[in-house]
C-alpha atoms as a PDB file:
ATOM      1  CA  MET A   1       0.413   0.049   0.031  1.00  0.00           C
ATOM      2  CA  SER A   2       1.366   3.327  -0.805  1.00  0.00           C
ATOM      3  CA  ARG A   3       1.389   6.243   1.255  1.00  0.00           C
ATOM      4  CA  ASN A   4       0.127   9.349  -0.068  1.00  0.00           C
ATOM      5  CA  PRO A   5       1.945  12.269   1.110  1.00  0.00           C
ATOM      6  CA  LEU A   6      -1.188  14.911   0.773  1.00  0.00           C
ATOM      7  CA  ARG A   7      -2.897  12.066   4.207  1.00  0.00           C
ATOM      8  CA  SER A   8       0.399  12.470   5.870  1.00  0.00           C
ATOM      9  CA  THR A   9       0.424  15.924   5.880  1.00  0.00           C
ATOM     10  CA  ALA A  10      -3.447  16.318   7.229  1.00  0.00           C
ATOM     11  CA  LEU A  11      -2.748  13.976   9.697  1.00  0.00           C
ATOM     12  CA  LEU A  12      -0.008  15.429  10.875  1.00  0.00           C
ATOM     13  CA  ALA A  13      -1.749  19.142  11.067  1.00  0.00           C
ATOM     14  CA  LEU A  14      -4.699  17.577  12.696  1.00  0.00           C
ATOM     15  CA  MET A  15      -2.815  15.386  15.360  1.00  0.00           C
ATOM     16  CA  LEU A  16      -0.980  18.944  16.185  1.00  0.00           C
ATOM     17  CA  ALA A  17      -4.240  21.061  16.238  1.00  0.00           C
ATOM     18  CA  ALA A  18      -5.537  18.633  18.607  1.00  0.00           C
ATOM     19  CA  ALA A  19      -2.635  18.836  20.764  1.00  0.00           C
ATOM     20  CA  ALA A  20      -2.801  22.747  20.978  1.00  0.00           C
ATOM     21  CA  LEU A  21      -7.032  22.639  21.190  1.00  0.00           C
ATOM     22  CA  PRO A  22      -6.952  21.894  24.863  1.00  0.00           C
ATOM     23  CA  SER A  23      -4.177  24.486  26.395  1.00  0.00           C
ATOM     24  CA  SER A  24      -6.048  27.238  24.354  1.00  0.00           C
ATOM     25  CA  VAL A  25      -9.421  26.541  25.464  1.00  0.00           C
ATOM     26  CA  ARG A  26      -8.515  26.121  28.686  1.00  0.00           C
ATOM     27  CA  ALA A  27      -6.563  30.052  28.120  1.00  0.00           C
ATOM     28  CA  GLN A  28     -10.488  31.335  27.562  1.00  0.00           C
ATOM     29  CA  GLN A  29     -12.062  29.911  30.598  1.00  0.00           C
ATOM     30  CA  ALA A  30     -12.886  31.892  33.863  1.00  0.00           C
ATOM     31  CA  ALA A  31     -10.922  31.980  36.665  1.00  0.00           C
ATOM     32  CA  SER A  32     -12.417  29.298  39.110  1.00  0.00           C
ATOM     33  CA  PRO A  33     -13.067  30.346  42.960  1.00  0.00           C
ATOM     34  CA  GLY A  34     -10.334  27.345  43.727  1.00  0.00           C
ATOM     35  CA  ASN A  35      -8.030  28.545  41.105  1.00  0.00           C
ATOM     36  CA  PRO A  36      -7.694  32.603  41.454  1.00  0.00           C
ATOM     37  CA  VAL A  37      -5.997  34.454  38.416  1.00  0.00           C
ATOM     38  CA  PRO A  38      -2.560  36.071  39.667  1.00  0.00           C
ATOM     39  CA  ALA A  39      -2.674  40.025  39.826  1.00  0.00           C
ATOM     40  CA  ALA A  40      -0.270  41.225  36.458  1.00  0.00           C
ATOM     41  CA  ALA A  41       3.116  41.369  37.563  1.00  0.00           C
ATOM     42  CA  VAL A  42       4.919  45.091  36.434  1.00  0.00           C
ATOM     43  CA  ALA A  43       7.849  44.576  34.851  1.00  0.00           C
ATOM     44  CA  THR A  44      10.708  47.200  35.163  1.00  0.00           C
ATOM     45  CA  ASN A  45      13.813  48.500  33.696  1.00  0.00           C
ATOM     46  CA  PRO A  46      16.394  50.029  35.351  1.00  0.00           C
ATOM     47  CA  ALA A  47      17.077  52.481  32.790  1.00  0.00           C
ATOM     48  CA  LEU A  48      13.825  53.774  32.317  1.00  0.00           C
ATOM     49  CA  MET A  49      12.716  52.966  36.077  1.00  0.00           C
ATOM     50  CA  GLY A  50       8.663  53.018  35.229  1.00  0.00           C
ATOM     51  CA  PRO A  51       6.390  49.869  34.553  1.00  0.00           C
ATOM     52  CA  GLN A  52       6.492  49.020  31.256  1.00  0.00           C
ATOM     53  CA  VAL A  53       2.942  47.740  30.407  1.00  0.00           C
ATOM     54  CA  GLY A  54      -0.154  49.643  31.725  1.00  0.00           C
ATOM     55  CA  PRO A  55      -4.093  48.872  32.365  1.00  0.00           C
ATOM     56  CA  VAL A  56      -6.008  47.366  29.444  1.00  0.00           C
ATOM     57  CA  ASP A  57      -7.906  50.645  28.909  1.00  0.00           C
ATOM     58  CA  PHE A  58      -4.464  52.772  29.636  1.00  0.00           C
ATOM     59  CA  VAL A  59      -5.012  55.758  27.015  1.00  0.00           C
ATOM     60  CA  ARG A  60      -2.345  58.346  27.030  1.00  0.00           C
ATOM     61  CA  TRP A  61      -2.943  61.806  26.586  1.00  0.00           C
ATOM     62  CA  ALA A  62      -2.041  63.986  23.721  1.00  0.00           C
ATOM     63  CA  PRO A  63      -2.525  67.307  23.791  1.00  0.00           C
ATOM     64  CA  PRO A  64      -4.399  69.009  21.245  1.00  0.00           C
ATOM     65  CA  SER A  65      -3.027  69.615  17.602  1.00  0.00           C
ATOM     66  CA  PRO A  66      -2.439  73.769  16.782  1.00  0.00           C
ATOM     67  CA  PHE A  67      -3.452  72.430  13.636  1.00  0.00           C
ATOM     68  CA  ASP A  68      -6.695  72.423  11.804  1.00  0.00           C
ATOM     69  CA  GLU A  69      -8.322  69.474  10.867  1.00  0.00           C
ATOM     70  CA  ALA A  70      -8.406  68.710   7.198  1.00  0.00           C
ATOM     71  CA  ALA A  71     -11.538  68.539   5.200  1.00  0.00           C
ATOM     72  CA  PRO A  72     -12.036  64.794   3.786  1.00  0.00           C
ATOM     73  CA  GLN A  73     -11.602  64.794   0.005  1.00  0.00           C
ATOM     74  CA  ASP A  74     -14.800  64.310  -2.068  1.00  0.00           C
ATOM     75  CA  ARG A  75     -14.982  61.089  -3.461  1.00  0.00           C
ATOM     76  CA  ILE A  76     -18.381  60.717  -4.394  1.00  0.00           C
ATOM     77  CA  ASN A  77     -17.116  60.966  -8.360  1.00  0.00           C
ATOM     78  CA  ALA A  78     -14.469  58.539  -8.450  1.00  0.00           C
ATOM     79  CA  GLY A  79     -15.948  55.103  -9.871  1.00  0.00           C
ATOM     80  CA  PRO A  80     -14.608  56.292 -13.299  1.00  0.00           C
ATOM     81  CA  ASN A  81     -11.303  56.865 -12.072  1.00  0.00           C
ATOM     82  CA  ILE A  82     -10.895  53.747 -10.299  1.00  0.00           C
ATOM     83  CA  ALA A  83     -12.552  52.091 -13.079  1.00  0.00           C
ATOM     84  CA  MET A  84      -9.928  53.319 -15.576  1.00  0.00           C
ATOM     85  CA  MET A  85      -6.642  52.158 -12.978  1.00  0.00           C
ATOM     86  CA  VAL A  86      -8.126  48.972 -12.783  1.00  0.00           C
ATOM     87  CA  VAL A  87      -8.617  48.145 -16.372  1.00  0.00           C
ATOM     88  CA  GLY A  88      -5.595  49.548 -16.963  1.00  0.00           C
ATOM     89  CA  GLY A  89      -3.424  47.854 -14.950  1.00  0.00           C
ATOM     90  CA  ALA A  90      -5.815  44.460 -16.357  1.00  0.00           C
ATOM     91  CA  ALA A  91      -4.481  45.940 -20.060  1.00  0.00           C
ATOM     92  CA  MET A  92      -1.273  46.450 -18.516  1.00  0.00           C
ATOM     93  CA  VAL A  93      -1.013  42.091 -17.036  1.00  0.00           C
ATOM     94  CA  VAL A  94      -2.820  41.000 -20.181  1.00  0.00           C
ATOM     95  CA  GLY A  95      -0.389  42.508 -22.756  1.00  0.00           C
ATOM     96  CA  LEU A  96       2.754  41.019 -20.475  1.00  0.00           C
ATOM     97  CA  ILE A  97       1.104  37.443 -20.494  1.00  0.00           C
ATOM     98  CA  ILE A  98       0.708  38.101 -24.250  1.00  0.00           C
ATOM     99  CA  GLY A  99       4.465  39.548 -24.901  1.00  0.00           C
ATOM    100  CA  GLY A 100       6.009  40.380 -27.846  1.00  0.00           C
ATOM    101  CA  ASP A 101       5.306  43.607 -30.413  1.00  0.00           C
ATOM    102  CA  GLY A 102       0.912  43.353 -29.474  1.00  0.00           C
ATOM    103  CA  GLY A 103       1.836  43.018 -26.209  1.00  0.00           C
ATOM    104  CA  LEU A 104       4.058  45.627 -25.533  1.00  0.00           C
ATOM    105  CA  VAL A 105       1.887  47.811 -27.180  1.00  0.00           C
ATOM    106  CA  ILE A 106      -1.147  46.799 -25.122  1.00  0.00           C
ATOM    107  CA  ALA A 107       0.744  47.093 -21.876  1.00  0.00           C
ATOM    108  CA  THR A 108       1.970  50.502 -22.674  1.00  0.00           C
ATOM    109  CA  GLY A 109      -1.259  51.567 -23.532  1.00  0.00           C
ATOM    110  CA  GLY A 110      -3.168  49.728 -19.584  1.00  0.00           C
ATOM    111  CA  GLY A 111      -0.182  51.836 -18.312  1.00  0.00           C
ATOM    112  CA  LEU A 112      -1.372  54.896 -20.073  1.00  0.00           C
ATOM    113  CA  VAL A 113      -4.374  54.337 -18.838  1.00  0.00           C
ATOM    114  CA  ALA A 114      -3.605  53.564 -15.492  1.00  0.00           C
ATOM    115  CA  LEU A 115      -1.704  56.617 -14.970  1.00  0.00           C
ATOM    116  CA  VAL A 116      -4.669  58.543 -16.522  1.00  0.00           C
ATOM    117  CA  GLY A 117      -7.047  57.580 -13.856  1.00  0.00           C
ATOM    118  CA  LEU A 118      -4.598  57.872 -11.053  1.00  0.00           C
ATOM    119  CA  TRP A 119      -3.676  61.805 -11.953  1.00  0.00           C
ATOM    120  CA  ARG A 120      -7.719  62.316 -12.354  1.00  0.00           C
ATOM    121  CA  TYR A 121      -8.356  60.464  -8.941  1.00  0.00           C
ATOM    122  CA  LEU A 122      -5.655  62.129  -7.087  1.00  0.00           C
ATOM    123  CA  ARG A 123      -6.522  65.606  -8.850  1.00  0.00           C
END
């Protein structure tokens, strides 16, 4: 009987998943009263002399920026420009697959269409 390498690989992956599953499931369970969870230890660095980890909900305060927020750009009519970029990119790929002089012409034309679409999108 010949051995199938795909079957052996799948069996090995299944065994590794079965071995790792109980430990990951146990990590997700809540602590029982008989098995309390130890308090989080705070590691310190002698060079910094401060805690290396913070509370889960800890958010650093940052001073407000002196600059105004940029207004969101209007991308409502961006559909045709995005379509030009996609069609141009697809033409470049097709031209490179075709190869030869004809493929070079198709790829160059696709590149130009993609660049025009990008220019119109960013304008």
